[in-house]
Amino acid sequence: MAVSLKPPIIACPSALISVSNFFELAVAATSLFGFESGAAMATVVGVLIEVPVMLPVVKVVNASKDWYERAESRK
């Protein structure tokens, strides 16, 4: 398995942006289908899951910071 190590300054914001796309999806689903639809409910639940997911992502990126720095020093 090939691993592409990006510096933490790139990896962490990229992960947070991809997780936070749930919020935009929830707003769009609520706008399109209304408050009573199952699609809107599902995407709102996704937003409620977003924050607990983002916190471990930040923790993992901070914990693996040494891996990134070692990979950069080898170049």
PDB file of N, CA and C in Angstrom:
ATOM      1  N   MET A   1       0.847  -1.177   0.000  1.00  0.00           N
ATOM      2  CA  MET A   1       0.000   0.000   0.000  1.00  0.00           C
ATOM      3  C   MET A   1       0.889   1.235   0.000  1.00  0.00           C
ATOM      4  N   ALA A   2       0.703   2.095  -0.946  1.00  0.00           N
ATOM      5  CA  ALA A   2       1.469   3.330  -1.020  1.00  0.00           C
ATOM      6  C   ALA A   2       0.850   4.384  -0.110  1.00  0.00           C
ATOM      7  N   VAL A   3       1.705   5.094   0.590  1.00  0.00           N
ATOM      8  CA  VAL A   3       1.234   6.140   1.495  1.00  0.00           C
ATOM      9  C   VAL A   3       1.779   7.467   1.010  1.00  0.00           C
ATOM     10  N   SER A   4       0.912   8.413   0.869  1.00  0.00           N
ATOM     11  CA  SER A   4       1.318   9.756   0.480  1.00  0.00           C
ATOM     12  C   SER A   4       1.229  10.646   1.707  1.00  0.00           C
ATOM     13  N   LEU A   5       2.363  11.012   2.252  1.00  0.00           N
ATOM     14  CA  LEU A   5       2.368  11.845   3.447  1.00  0.00           C
ATOM     15  C   LEU A   5       2.416  13.313   3.055  1.00  0.00           C
ATOM     16  N   LYS A   6       1.360  13.986   3.340  1.00  0.00           N
ATOM     17  CA  LYS A   6       1.307  15.423   3.125  1.00  0.00           C
ATOM     18  C   LYS A   6       1.651  16.104   4.437  1.00  0.00           C
ATOM     19  N   PRO A   7       2.232  17.299   4.399  1.00  0.00           N
ATOM     20  CA  PRO A   7       2.530  17.992   5.653  1.00  0.00           C
ATOM     21  C   PRO A   7       1.249  18.273   6.435  1.00  0.00           C
ATOM     22  N   PRO A   8       1.336  18.330   7.781  1.00  0.00           N
ATOM     23  CA  PRO A   8       0.134  18.571   8.584  1.00  0.00           C
ATOM     24  C   PRO A   8      -0.609  19.841   8.185  1.00  0.00           C
ATOM     25  N   ILE A   9       0.111  20.812   7.681  1.00  0.00           N
ATOM     26  CA  ILE A   9      -0.540  22.062   7.286  1.00  0.00           C
ATOM     27  C   ILE A   9      -1.492  21.842   6.106  1.00  0.00           C
ATOM     28  N   ILE A  10      -1.292  20.760   5.354  1.00  0.00           N
ATOM     29  CA  ILE A  10      -2.187  20.413   4.246  1.00  0.00           C
ATOM     30  C   ILE A  10      -3.150  19.305   4.655  1.00  0.00           C
ATOM     31  N   ALA A  11      -2.656  18.294   5.364  1.00  0.00           N
ATOM     32  CA  ALA A  11      -3.469  17.116   5.687  1.00  0.00           C
ATOM     33  C   ALA A  11      -4.636  17.437   6.603  1.00  0.00           C
ATOM     34  N   CYS A  12      -4.395  18.192   7.651  1.00  0.00           N
ATOM     35  CA  CYS A  12      -5.463  18.460   8.622  1.00  0.00           C
ATOM     36  C   CYS A  12      -6.582  19.309   8.021  1.00  0.00           C
ATOM     37  N   PRO A  13      -6.278  20.448   7.380  1.00  0.00           N
ATOM     38  CA  PRO A  13      -7.387  21.208   6.778  1.00  0.00           C
ATOM     39  C   PRO A  13      -8.142  20.423   5.712  1.00  0.00           C
ATOM     40  N   SER A  14      -7.439  19.599   4.946  1.00  0.00           N
ATOM     41  CA  SER A  14      -8.117  18.797   3.926  1.00  0.00           C
ATOM     42  C   SER A  14      -9.097  17.824   4.554  1.00  0.00           C
ATOM     43  N   ALA A  15      -8.689  17.190   5.637  1.00  0.00           N
ATOM     44  CA  ALA A  15      -9.581  16.253   6.325  1.00  0.00           C
ATOM     45  C   ALA A  15     -10.779  16.977   6.917  1.00  0.00           C
ATOM     46  N   LEU A  16     -10.545  18.136   7.511  1.00  0.00           N
ATOM     47  CA  LEU A  16     -11.645  18.881   8.127  1.00  0.00           C
ATOM     48  C   LEU A  16     -12.623  19.398   7.078  1.00  0.00           C
ATOM     49  N   ILE A  17     -12.112  19.830   5.944  1.00  0.00           N
ATOM     50  CA  ILE A  17     -12.990  20.315   4.875  1.00  0.00           C
ATOM     51  C   ILE A  17     -13.853  19.170   4.351  1.00  0.00           C
ATOM     52  N   SER A  18     -13.251  18.001   4.163  1.00  0.00           N
ATOM     53  CA  SER A  18     -14.043  16.884   3.639  1.00  0.00           C
ATOM     54  C   SER A  18     -15.112  16.442   4.627  1.00  0.00           C
ATOM     55  N   VAL A  19     -14.810  16.491   5.919  1.00  0.00           N
ATOM     56  CA  VAL A  19     -15.819  16.127   6.915  1.00  0.00           C
ATOM     57  C   VAL A  19     -16.903  17.192   7.006  1.00  0.00           C
ATOM     58  N   SER A  20     -16.529  18.460   6.868  1.00  0.00           N
ATOM     59  CA  SER A  20     -17.514  19.535   7.044  1.00  0.00           C
ATOM     60  C   SER A  20     -18.456  19.682   5.853  1.00  0.00           C
ATOM     61  N   ASN A  21     -18.233  18.944   4.794  1.00  0.00           N
ATOM     62  CA  ASN A  21     -19.161  18.997   3.663  1.00  0.00           C
ATOM     63  C   ASN A  21     -20.548  18.505   4.042  1.00  0.00           C
ATOM     64  N   PHE A  22     -20.656  17.754   5.144  1.00  0.00           N
ATOM     65  CA  PHE A  22     -21.965  17.311   5.622  1.00  0.00           C
ATOM     66  C   PHE A  22     -22.870  18.499   5.932  1.00  0.00           C
ATOM     67  N   PHE A  23     -22.297  19.577   6.447  1.00  0.00           N
ATOM     68  CA  PHE A  23     -23.120  20.734   6.811  1.00  0.00           C
ATOM     69  C   PHE A  23     -23.791  21.325   5.579  1.00  0.00           C
ATOM     70  N   GLU A  24     -23.026  21.527   4.517  1.00  0.00           N
ATOM     71  CA  GLU A  24     -23.597  22.072   3.290  1.00  0.00           C
ATOM     72  C   GLU A  24     -24.646  21.133   2.711  1.00  0.00           C
ATOM     73  N   LEU A  25     -24.409  19.845   2.821  1.00  0.00           N
ATOM     74  CA  LEU A  25     -25.376  18.862   2.342  1.00  0.00           C
ATOM     75  C   LEU A  25     -26.675  18.944   3.132  1.00  0.00           C
ATOM     76  N   ALA A  26     -26.582  19.143   4.436  1.00  0.00           N
ATOM     77  CA  ALA A  26     -27.782  19.257   5.272  1.00  0.00           C
ATOM     78  C   ALA A  26     -28.591  20.488   4.907  1.00  0.00           C
ATOM     79  N   VAL A  27     -27.919  21.601   4.676  1.00  0.00           N
ATOM     80  CA  VAL A  27     -28.622  22.826   4.288  1.00  0.00           C
ATOM     81  C   VAL A  27     -29.313  22.635   2.943  1.00  0.00           C
ATOM     82  N   ALA A  28     -28.618  22.030   1.994  1.00  0.00           N
ATOM     83  CA  ALA A  28     -29.206  21.817   0.670  1.00  0.00           C
ATOM     84  C   ALA A  28     -30.398  20.867   0.734  1.00  0.00           C
ATOM     85  N   ALA A  29     -30.274  19.777   1.482  1.00  0.00           N
ATOM     86  CA  ALA A  29     -31.383  18.819   1.578  1.00  0.00           C
ATOM     87  C   ALA A  29     -32.597  19.439   2.249  1.00  0.00           C
ATOM     88  N   THR A  30     -32.371  20.229   3.282  1.00  0.00           N
ATOM     89  CA  THR A  30     -33.492  20.890   3.955  1.00  0.00           C
ATOM     90  C   THR A  30     -34.150  21.897   3.023  1.00  0.00           C
ATOM     91  N   SER A  31     -33.342  22.614   2.244  1.00  0.00           N
ATOM     92  CA  SER A  31     -33.895  23.590   1.297  1.00  0.00           C
ATOM     93  C   SER A  31     -34.716  22.911   0.204  1.00  0.00           C
ATOM     94  N   LEU A  32     -34.215  21.787  -0.296  1.00  0.00           N
ATOM     95  CA  LEU A  32     -34.896  21.111  -1.399  1.00  0.00           C
ATOM     96  C   LEU A  32     -36.125  20.325  -0.961  1.00  0.00           C
ATOM     97  N   PHE A  33     -35.997  19.585   0.131  1.00  0.00           N
ATOM     98  CA  PHE A  33     -37.043  18.640   0.505  1.00  0.00           C
ATOM     99  C   PHE A  33     -37.917  19.094   1.666  1.00  0.00           C
ATOM    100  N   GLY A  34     -37.536  20.145   2.358  1.00  0.00           N
ATOM    101  CA  GLY A  34     -38.328  20.626   3.489  1.00  0.00           C
ATOM    102  C   GLY A  34     -37.966  19.928   4.782  1.00  0.00           C
ATOM    103  N   PHE A  35     -38.532  20.442   5.862  1.00  0.00           N
ATOM    104  CA  PHE A  35     -38.185  19.943   7.193  1.00  0.00           C
ATOM    105  C   PHE A  35     -38.765  18.564   7.498  1.00  0.00           C
ATOM    106  N   GLU A  36     -39.790  18.173   6.782  1.00  0.00           N
ATOM    107  CA  GLU A  36     -40.490  16.927   7.100  1.00  0.00           C
ATOM    108  C   GLU A  36     -39.913  15.698   6.398  1.00  0.00           C
ATOM    109  N   SER A  37     -38.964  15.873   5.499  1.00  0.00           N
ATOM    110  CA  SER A  37     -38.492  14.736   4.697  1.00  0.00           C
ATOM    111  C   SER A  37     -37.428  13.915   5.420  1.00  0.00           C
ATOM    112  N   GLY A  38     -37.345  12.661   5.029  1.00  0.00           N
ATOM    113  CA  GLY A  38     -36.319  11.775   5.575  1.00  0.00           C
ATOM    114  C   GLY A  38     -34.919  12.159   5.133  1.00  0.00           C
ATOM    115  N   ALA A  39     -34.798  12.693   3.907  1.00  0.00           N
ATOM    116  CA  ALA A  39     -33.483  13.108   3.408  1.00  0.00           C
ATOM    117  C   ALA A  39     -32.921  14.242   4.253  1.00  0.00           C
ATOM    118  N   ALA A  40     -33.774  15.197   4.581  1.00  0.00           N
ATOM    119  CA  ALA A  40     -33.317  16.305   5.418  1.00  0.00           C
ATOM    120  C   ALA A  40     -32.927  15.801   6.801  1.00  0.00           C
ATOM    121  N   MET A  41     -33.708  14.891   7.342  1.00  0.00           N
ATOM    122  CA  MET A  41     -33.400  14.343   8.667  1.00  0.00           C
ATOM    123  C   MET A  41     -32.072  13.594   8.647  1.00  0.00           C
ATOM    124  N   ALA A  42     -31.839  12.810   7.604  1.00  0.00           N
ATOM    125  CA  ALA A  42     -30.596  12.043   7.511  1.00  0.00           C
ATOM    126  C   ALA A  42     -29.380  12.953   7.428  1.00  0.00           C
ATOM    127  N   THR A  43     -29.493  14.034   6.672  1.00  0.00           N
ATOM    128  CA  THR A  43     -28.338  14.917   6.547  1.00  0.00           C
ATOM    129  C   THR A  43     -28.116  15.743   7.806  1.00  0.00           C
ATOM    130  N   VAL A  44     -29.174  16.070   8.518  1.00  0.00           N
ATOM    131  CA  VAL A  44     -29.003  16.790   9.785  1.00  0.00           C
ATOM    132  C   VAL A  44     -28.316  15.886  10.803  1.00  0.00           C
ATOM    133  N   VAL A  45     -28.668  14.618  10.816  1.00  0.00           N
ATOM    134  CA  VAL A  45     -27.984  13.670  11.702  1.00  0.00           C
ATOM    135  C   VAL A  45     -26.509  13.580  11.311  1.00  0.00           C
ATOM    136  N   GLY A  46     -26.216  13.666  10.019  1.00  0.00           N
ATOM    137  CA  GLY A  46     -24.824  13.686   9.566  1.00  0.00           C
ATOM    138  C   GLY A  46     -24.049  14.842  10.150  1.00  0.00           C
ATOM    139  N   VAL A  47     -24.679  16.000  10.234  1.00  0.00           N
ATOM    140  CA  VAL A  47     -24.027  17.171  10.825  1.00  0.00           C
ATOM    141  C   VAL A  47     -23.775  16.934  12.312  1.00  0.00           C
ATOM    142  N   LEU A  48     -24.700  16.281  12.984  1.00  0.00           N
ATOM    143  CA  LEU A  48     -24.514  16.001  14.407  1.00  0.00           C
ATOM    144  C   LEU A  48     -23.361  15.025  14.646  1.00  0.00           C
ATOM    145  N   ILE A  49     -23.059  14.220  13.648  1.00  0.00           N
ATOM    146  CA  ILE A  49     -21.937  13.283  13.746  1.00  0.00           C
ATOM    147  C   ILE A  49     -20.625  13.974  13.370  1.00  0.00           C
ATOM    148  N   GLU A  50     -20.713  15.073  12.648  1.00  0.00           N
ATOM    149  CA  GLU A  50     -19.538  15.750  12.106  1.00  0.00           C
ATOM    150  C   GLU A  50     -18.529  16.160  13.171  1.00  0.00           C
ATOM    151  N   VAL A  51     -18.961  16.827  14.202  1.00  0.00           N
ATOM    152  CA  VAL A  51     -18.029  17.339  15.210  1.00  0.00           C
ATOM    153  C   VAL A  51     -17.315  16.206  15.940  1.00  0.00           C
ATOM    154  N   PRO A  52     -18.026  15.170  16.397  1.00  0.00           N
ATOM    155  CA  PRO A  52     -17.292  14.074  17.031  1.00  0.00           C
ATOM    156  C   PRO A  52     -16.307  13.376  16.089  1.00  0.00           C
ATOM    157  N   VAL A  53     -16.532  13.443  14.788  1.00  0.00           N
ATOM    158  CA  VAL A  53     -15.589  12.858  13.835  1.00  0.00           C
ATOM    159  C   VAL A  53     -14.391  13.780  13.643  1.00  0.00           C
ATOM    160  N   MET A  54     -14.623  15.082  13.595  1.00  0.00           N
ATOM    161  CA  MET A  54     -13.525  16.021  13.365  1.00  0.00           C
ATOM    162  C   MET A  54     -12.522  16.029  14.517  1.00  0.00           C
ATOM    163  N   LEU A  55     -12.984  15.869  15.742  1.00  0.00           N
ATOM    164  CA  LEU A  55     -12.069  15.894  16.882  1.00  0.00           C
ATOM    165  C   LEU A  55     -11.037  14.763  16.832  1.00  0.00           C
ATOM    166  N   PRO A  56     -11.439  13.514  16.561  1.00  0.00           N
ATOM    167  CA  PRO A  56     -10.407  12.472  16.420  1.00  0.00           C
ATOM    168  C   PRO A  56      -9.497  12.682  15.207  1.00  0.00           C
ATOM    169  N   VAL A  57     -10.027  13.272  14.132  1.00  0.00           N
ATOM    170  CA  VAL A  57      -9.181  13.547  12.963  1.00  0.00           C
ATOM    171  C   VAL A  57      -8.053  14.490  13.363  1.00  0.00           C
ATOM    172  N   VAL A  58      -8.391  15.544  14.091  1.00  0.00           N
ATOM    173  CA  VAL A  58      -7.365  16.489  14.544  1.00  0.00           C
ATOM    174  C   VAL A  58      -6.381  15.784  15.471  1.00  0.00           C
ATOM    175  N   LYS A  59      -6.883  14.929  16.346  1.00  0.00           N
ATOM    176  CA  LYS A  59      -6.011  14.209  17.276  1.00  0.00           C
ATOM    177  C   LYS A  59      -5.047  13.290  16.523  1.00  0.00           C
ATOM    178  N   VAL A  60      -5.545  12.586  15.512  1.00  0.00           N
ATOM    179  CA  VAL A  60      -4.691  11.685  14.727  1.00  0.00           C
ATOM    180  C   VAL A  60      -3.635  12.473  13.966  1.00  0.00           C
ATOM    181  N   VAL A  61      -4.026  13.586  13.362  1.00  0.00           N
ATOM    182  CA  VAL A  61      -3.061  14.393  12.611  1.00  0.00           C
ATOM    183  C   VAL A  61      -1.994  14.949  13.548  1.00  0.00           C
ATOM    184  N   ASN A  62      -2.407  15.426  14.708  1.00  0.00           N
ATOM    185  CA  ASN A  62      -1.423  15.934  15.665  1.00  0.00           C
ATOM    186  C   ASN A  62      -0.515  14.820  16.180  1.00  0.00           C
ATOM    187  N   ALA A  63      -1.073  13.636  16.412  1.00  0.00           N
ATOM    188  CA  ALA A  63      -0.275  12.513  16.902  1.00  0.00           C
ATOM    189  C   ALA A  63       0.705  12.004  15.846  1.00  0.00           C
ATOM    190  N   SER A  64       0.353  12.117  14.580  1.00  0.00           N
ATOM    191  CA  SER A  64       1.221  11.618  13.512  1.00  0.00           C
ATOM    192  C   SER A  64       2.116  12.710  12.937  1.00  0.00           C
ATOM    193  N   LYS A  65       2.182  13.829  13.595  1.00  0.00           N
ATOM    194  CA  LYS A  65       2.998  14.950  13.119  1.00  0.00           C
ATOM    195  C   LYS A  65       4.458  14.538  12.936  1.00  0.00           C
ATOM    196  N   ASP A  66       4.968  13.694  13.832  1.00  0.00           N
ATOM    197  CA  ASP A  66       6.354  13.239  13.719  1.00  0.00           C
ATOM    198  C   ASP A  66       6.590  12.440  12.445  1.00  0.00           C
ATOM    199  N   TRP A  67       5.602  11.655  12.015  1.00  0.00           N
ATOM    200  CA  TRP A  67       5.745  10.898  10.772  1.00  0.00           C
ATOM    201  C   TRP A  67       5.961  11.842   9.598  1.00  0.00           C
ATOM    202  N   TYR A  68       5.173  12.903   9.569  1.00  0.00           N
ATOM    203  CA  TYR A  68       5.294  13.874   8.482  1.00  0.00           C
ATOM    204  C   TYR A  68       6.667  14.535   8.500  1.00  0.00           C
ATOM    205  N   GLU A  69       7.094  14.919   9.693  1.00  0.00           N
ATOM    206  CA  GLU A  69       8.374  15.614   9.794  1.00  0.00           C
ATOM    207  C   GLU A  69       9.535  14.700   9.427  1.00  0.00           C
ATOM    208  N   ARG A  70       9.467  13.417   9.812  1.00  0.00           N
ATOM    209  CA  ARG A  70      10.522  12.474   9.428  1.00  0.00           C
ATOM    210  C   ARG A  70      10.553  12.271   7.919  1.00  0.00           C
ATOM    211  N   ALA A  71       9.393  12.172   7.299  1.00  0.00           N
ATOM    212  CA  ALA A  71       9.333  11.991   5.843  1.00  0.00           C
ATOM    213  C   ALA A  71       9.898  13.208   5.127  1.00  0.00           C
ATOM    214  N   GLU A  72       9.626  14.387   5.641  1.00  0.00           N
ATOM    215  CA  GLU A  72      10.144  15.612   5.029  1.00  0.00           C
ATOM    216  C   GLU A  72      11.659  15.708   5.196  1.00  0.00           C
ATOM    217  N   SER A  73      12.186  15.253   6.329  1.00  0.00           N
ATOM    218  CA  SER A  73      13.623  15.367   6.565  1.00  0.00           C
ATOM    219  C   SER A  73      14.421  14.409   5.682  1.00  0.00           C
ATOM    220  N   ARG A  74      13.789  13.333   5.209  1.00  0.00           N
ATOM    221  CA  ARG A  74      14.472  12.378   4.329  1.00  0.00           C
ATOM    222  C   ARG A  74      14.615  12.898   2.907  1.00  0.00           C
ATOM    223  N   LYS A  75      13.818  13.853   2.545  1.00  0.00           N
ATOM    224  CA  LYS A  75      13.839  14.349   1.155  1.00  0.00           C
ATOM    225  C   LYS A  75      15.041  15.213   0.897  1.00  0.00           C
TER     226      LYS A  75
END
